[in-house]
C-alpha atoms as a PDB file:
ATOM      1  CA  MET A   1       0.014  -0.058   0.196  1.00  0.00           C
ATOM      2  CA  THR A   2       1.610   3.551  -0.777  1.00  0.00           C
ATOM      3  CA  TRP A   3       0.715   6.781   0.925  1.00  0.00           C
ATOM      4  CA  THR A   4       0.386   9.878  -0.935  1.00  0.00           C
ATOM      5  CA  SER A   5      -0.015  13.767   0.385  1.00  0.00           C
ATOM      6  CA  ASP A   6      -0.560  16.686  -1.544  1.00  0.00           C
ATOM      7  CA  GLY A   7      -0.127  18.968   1.713  1.00  0.00           C
ATOM      8  CA  ARG A   8      -3.137  19.830   2.245  1.00  0.00           C
ATOM      9  CA  GLY A   9      -4.047  17.481   5.069  1.00  0.00           C
ATOM     10  CA  LYS A  10      -1.480  18.882   6.960  1.00  0.00           C
ATOM     11  CA  ALA A  11      -2.575  22.604   6.691  1.00  0.00           C
ATOM     12  CA  GLY A  12      -5.933  21.814   7.268  1.00  0.00           C
ATOM     13  CA  GLY A  13      -4.927  19.730  10.657  1.00  0.00           C
ATOM     14  CA  GLY A  14      -2.964  22.490  11.962  1.00  0.00           C
ATOM     15  CA  VAL A  15      -5.853  24.744  11.796  1.00  0.00           C
ATOM     16  CA  LEU A  16      -7.702  22.494  13.401  1.00  0.00           C
ATOM     17  CA  LEU A  17      -5.422  21.854  16.475  1.00  0.00           C
ATOM     18  CA  THR A  18      -5.253  25.357  16.792  1.00  0.00           C
ATOM     19  CA  LEU A  19      -8.787  26.125  17.229  1.00  0.00           C
ATOM     20  CA  LEU A  20      -9.039  23.502  19.446  1.00  0.00           C
ATOM     21  CA  GLY A  21      -6.035  24.793  21.485  1.00  0.00           C
ATOM     22  CA  ALA A  22      -7.570  28.133  21.593  1.00  0.00           C
ATOM     23  CA  GLY A  23     -11.172  27.294  22.580  1.00  0.00           C
ATOM     24  CA  ILE A  24     -10.817  24.098  25.538  1.00  0.00           C
ATOM     25  CA  PRO A  25      -9.229  26.557  27.608  1.00  0.00           C
ATOM     26  CA  ALA A  26     -12.023  29.146  27.166  1.00  0.00           C
ATOM     27  CA  LEU A  27     -14.223  26.567  27.458  1.00  0.00           C
ATOM     28  CA  LEU A  28     -13.109  24.775  30.551  1.00  0.00           C
ATOM     29  CA  GLY A  29     -12.726  28.105  32.323  1.00  0.00           C
ATOM     30  CA  ALA A  30     -16.550  29.013  31.723  1.00  0.00           C
ATOM     31  CA  ALA A  31     -17.517  25.551  32.872  1.00  0.00           C
ATOM     32  CA  LEU A  32     -15.693  25.497  36.212  1.00  0.00           C
ATOM     33  CA  HIS A  33     -16.753  28.932  37.112  1.00  0.00           C
ATOM     34  CA  GLY A  34     -19.657  29.753  35.866  1.00  0.00           C
ATOM     35  CA  PRO A  35     -21.996  33.049  35.772  1.00  0.00           C
ATOM     36  CA  ALA A  36     -20.663  35.449  38.622  1.00  0.00           C
ATOM     37  CA  GLY A  37     -23.068  35.641  41.253  1.00  0.00           C
ATOM     38  CA  GLU A  38     -26.429  34.140  42.288  1.00  0.00           C
ATOM     39  CA  PRO A  39     -30.383  34.661  40.451  1.00  0.00           C
ATOM     40  CA  TYR A  40     -31.478  38.028  42.162  1.00  0.00           C
ATOM     41  CA  ARG A  41     -34.531  40.213  41.696  1.00  0.00           C
ATOM     42  CA  GLU A  42     -34.218  44.037  40.472  1.00  0.00           C
ATOM     43  CA  THR A  43     -36.474  45.808  41.257  1.00  0.00           C
ATOM     44  CA  ARG A  44     -36.710  49.909  40.061  1.00  0.00           C
ATOM     45  CA  LEU A  45     -38.862  52.344  41.650  1.00  0.00           C
ATOM     46  CA  SER A  46     -39.771  55.618  40.175  1.00  0.00           C
ATOM     47  CA  PHE A  47     -41.228  58.476  42.151  1.00  0.00           C
ATOM     48  CA  ALA A  48     -42.629  61.362  40.772  1.00  0.00           C
ATOM     49  CA  ALA A  49     -41.036  64.649  42.299  1.00  0.00           C
ATOM     50  CA  GLY A  50     -43.755  67.209  40.748  1.00  0.00           C
ATOM     51  CA  ARG A  51     -47.467  67.267  42.912  1.00  0.00           C
ATOM     52  CA  THR A  52     -50.555  68.567  41.781  1.00  0.00           C
ATOM     53  CA  ALA A  53     -52.404  71.690  42.086  1.00  0.00           C
ATOM     54  CA  GLY A  54     -49.222  73.827  41.972  1.00  0.00           C
ATOM     55  CA  ARG A  55     -48.203  72.695  44.928  1.00  0.00           C
ATOM     56  CA  ALA A  56     -44.222  72.442  45.293  1.00  0.00           C
ATOM     57  CA  PRO A  57     -42.328  69.430  44.446  1.00  0.00           C
ATOM     58  CA  VAL A  58     -41.656  66.730  46.805  1.00  0.00           C
ATOM     59  CA  ALA A  59     -38.032  68.205  48.032  1.00  0.00           C
ATOM     60  CA  GLU A  60     -34.822  65.582  48.788  1.00  0.00           C
ATOM     61  CA  GLY A  61     -35.412  66.326  52.797  1.00  0.00           C
ATOM     62  CA  GLU A  62     -38.961  64.690  52.273  1.00  0.00           C
ATOM     63  CA  PHE A  63     -37.526  61.595  50.232  1.00  0.00           C
ATOM     64  CA  THR A  64     -35.194  60.981  52.508  1.00  0.00           C
ATOM     65  CA  ARG A  65     -37.059  61.124  55.436  1.00  0.00           C
ATOM     66  CA  PHE A  66     -39.920  59.044  53.400  1.00  0.00           C
ATOM     67  CA  LEU A  67     -37.168  56.780  52.268  1.00  0.00           C
ATOM     68  CA  ASP A  68     -36.114  56.221  56.397  1.00  0.00           C
ATOM     69  CA  ARG A  69     -39.471  55.617  57.405  1.00  0.00           C
ATOM     70  CA  GLU A  70     -40.956  53.151  54.859  1.00  0.00           C
ATOM     71  CA  VAL A  71     -37.984  51.717  52.559  1.00  0.00           C
ATOM     72  CA  SER A  72     -34.532  51.320  54.407  1.00  0.00           C
ATOM     73  CA  PRO A  73     -36.877  49.128  57.205  1.00  0.00           C
ATOM     74  CA  ALA A  74     -38.519  47.224  54.577  1.00  0.00           C
ATOM     75  CA  PHE A  75     -34.760  46.653  52.659  1.00  0.00           C
ATOM     76  CA  PRO A  76     -32.544  47.312  55.472  1.00  0.00           C
ATOM     77  CA  GLU A  77     -29.466  45.279  53.018  1.00  0.00           C
ATOM     78  CA  GLY A  78     -29.853  48.177  51.000  1.00  0.00           C
ATOM     79  CA  LEU A  79     -30.626  50.050  48.322  1.00  0.00           C
ATOM     80  CA  ASP A  80     -29.594  52.603  45.378  1.00  0.00           C
ATOM     81  CA  VAL A  81     -31.355  56.154  44.710  1.00  0.00           C
ATOM     82  CA  ARG A  82     -30.497  58.283  41.740  1.00  0.00           C
ATOM     83  CA  ASP A  83     -32.223  61.745  40.934  1.00  0.00           C
ATOM     84  CA  ALA A  84     -33.920  60.579  37.277  1.00  0.00           C
ATOM     85  CA  HIS A  85     -35.470  63.294  34.932  1.00  0.00           C
ATOM     86  CA  GLY A  86     -37.915  62.162  32.557  1.00  0.00           C
ATOM     87  CA  GLN A  87     -40.412  63.010  29.926  1.00  0.00           C
ATOM     88  CA  ARG A  88     -43.751  61.930  27.963  1.00  0.00           C
ATOM     89  CA  ARG A  89     -45.775  63.002  26.097  1.00  0.00           C
ATOM     90  CA  ALA A  90     -49.257  64.479  26.577  1.00  0.00           C
ATOM     91  CA  GLU A  91     -52.592  63.160  25.366  1.00  0.00           C
ATOM     92  CA  ASP A  92     -52.680  66.900  23.333  1.00  0.00           C
ATOM     93  CA  GLY A  93     -49.212  66.079  21.994  1.00  0.00           C
ATOM     94  CA  THR A  94     -47.001  68.668  24.547  1.00  0.00           C
ATOM     95  CA  ILE A  95     -43.960  66.966  25.882  1.00  0.00           C
ATOM     96  CA  LEU A  96     -44.338  66.811  29.806  1.00  0.00           C
ATOM     97  CA  ARG A  97     -40.799  66.569  31.452  1.00  0.00           C
ATOM     98  CA  ARG A  98     -40.745  65.864  35.397  1.00  0.00           C
ATOM     99  CA  THR A  99     -37.765  65.136  38.349  1.00  0.00           C
ATOM    100  CA  SER A 100     -38.214  61.873  40.088  1.00  0.00           C
ATOM    101  CA  TYR A 101     -36.687  60.208  42.230  1.00  0.00           C
ATOM    102  CA  GLU A 102     -36.182  56.072  41.273  1.00  0.00           C
ATOM    103  CA  VAL A 103     -34.720  53.438  43.796  1.00  0.00           C
ATOM    104  CA  VAL A 104     -32.435  50.214  42.921  1.00  0.00           C
ATOM    105  CA  LEU A 105     -33.770  47.552  44.924  1.00  0.00           C
ATOM    106  CA  ARG A 106     -31.748  43.962  44.857  1.00  0.00           C
ATOM    107  CA  TYR A 107     -33.064  40.865  46.623  1.00  0.00           C
ATOM    108  CA  PRO A 108     -32.482  36.909  45.703  1.00  0.00           C
ATOM    109  CA  GLU A 109     -34.502  35.302  43.171  1.00  0.00           C
ATOM    110  CA  ASN A 110     -36.472  33.089  45.662  1.00  0.00           C
ATOM    111  CA  GLU A 111     -37.659  36.058  47.857  1.00  0.00           C
ATOM    112  CA  ALA A 112     -39.798  37.885  45.414  1.00  0.00           C
ATOM    113  CA  GLU A 113     -43.319  37.268  46.399  1.00  0.00           C
ATOM    114  CA  GLU A 114     -42.658  38.303  49.929  1.00  0.00           C
ATOM    115  CA  ARG A 115     -40.351  41.444  48.762  1.00  0.00           C
ATOM    116  CA  GLY A 116     -43.490  42.276  46.144  1.00  0.00           C
ATOM    117  CA  ALA A 117     -45.729  42.475  49.445  1.00  0.00           C
ATOM    118  CA  ARG A 118     -43.171  44.843  50.642  1.00  0.00           C
ATOM    119  CA  ILE A 119     -42.897  46.715  47.337  1.00  0.00           C
ATOM    120  CA  GLU A 120     -46.292  47.562  46.802  1.00  0.00           C
ATOM    121  CA  HIS A 121     -46.532  48.877  50.568  1.00  0.00           C
ATOM    122  CA  ILE A 122     -44.136  51.784  50.030  1.00  0.00           C
ATOM    123  CA  ARG A 123     -45.504  52.481  45.940  1.00  0.00           C
ATOM    124  CA  ARG A 124     -49.171  53.099  48.026  1.00  0.00           C
ATOM    125  CA  ALA A 125     -47.744  54.941  51.539  1.00  0.00           C
ATOM    126  CA  TYR A 126     -46.363  57.696  48.635  1.00  0.00           C
ATOM    127  CA  ALA A 127     -48.782  57.780  46.693  1.00  0.00           C
ATOM    128  CA  ASP A 128     -51.370  58.785  50.088  1.00  0.00           C
ATOM    129  CA  LEU A 129     -48.452  60.838  51.484  1.00  0.00           C
ATOM    130  CA  PHE A 130     -47.729  62.832  48.859  1.00  0.00           C
ATOM    131  CA  ARG A 131     -51.010  62.949  47.083  1.00  0.00           C
ATOM    132  CA  GLN A 132     -49.259  61.364  44.123  1.00  0.00           C
ATOM    133  CA  GLU A 133     -49.782  59.483  41.442  1.00  0.00           C
ATOM    134  CA  PRO A 134     -49.039  55.714  41.165  1.00  0.00           C
ATOM    135  CA  VAL A 135     -45.324  55.002  41.720  1.00  0.00           C
ATOM    136  CA  GLY A 136     -43.747  53.019  38.868  1.00  0.00           C
ATOM    137  CA  ARG A 137     -42.432  50.030  38.968  1.00  0.00           C
ATOM    138  CA  THR A 138     -39.917  48.172  36.994  1.00  0.00           C
ATOM    139  CA  ASP A 139     -38.951  44.302  37.692  1.00  0.00           C
ATOM    140  CA  ASP A 140     -35.624  42.451  36.236  1.00  0.00           C
ATOM    141  CA  THR A 141     -34.268  39.401  37.019  1.00  0.00           C
ATOM    142  CA  VAL A 142     -30.649  39.611  36.820  1.00  0.00           C
ATOM    143  CA  THR A 143     -27.040  37.547  38.648  1.00  0.00           C
ATOM    144  CA  SER A 144     -25.364  39.371  41.103  1.00  0.00           C
ATOM    145  CA  GLY A 145     -22.696  39.071  43.641  1.00  0.00           C
ATOM    146  CA  PHE A 146     -21.569  40.881  46.445  1.00  0.00           C
END
């Protein structure tokens, strides 16, 4: 039996070995280390600062006292607060701009139902205290590590 070669097999084999050599460490690293963190729920609450009937907006000090009384006891592990400036189009086509406070809460996904009840209490308390429109809420599932 006679073996013949035209060189293409050697080049193809070399490319294949190079690709495997580069990919195996990356795949192995991903398999050993997995995603960083655990499944968490992230809830963003948007508290409008503007009030109706020409009343002054909810001041930073008023909002801080609300956080201290209502939000921090319900989420003692921590939260983020951001000043926000948003806009939306009114029915008449004009652009309405508003200032608001955004609160970001993160908690384990397996506590979402119980934490959701706390969040709904906070939303009602703000609307009642400051005679406001409902507090906006957005929920996402994230991977988080602390």
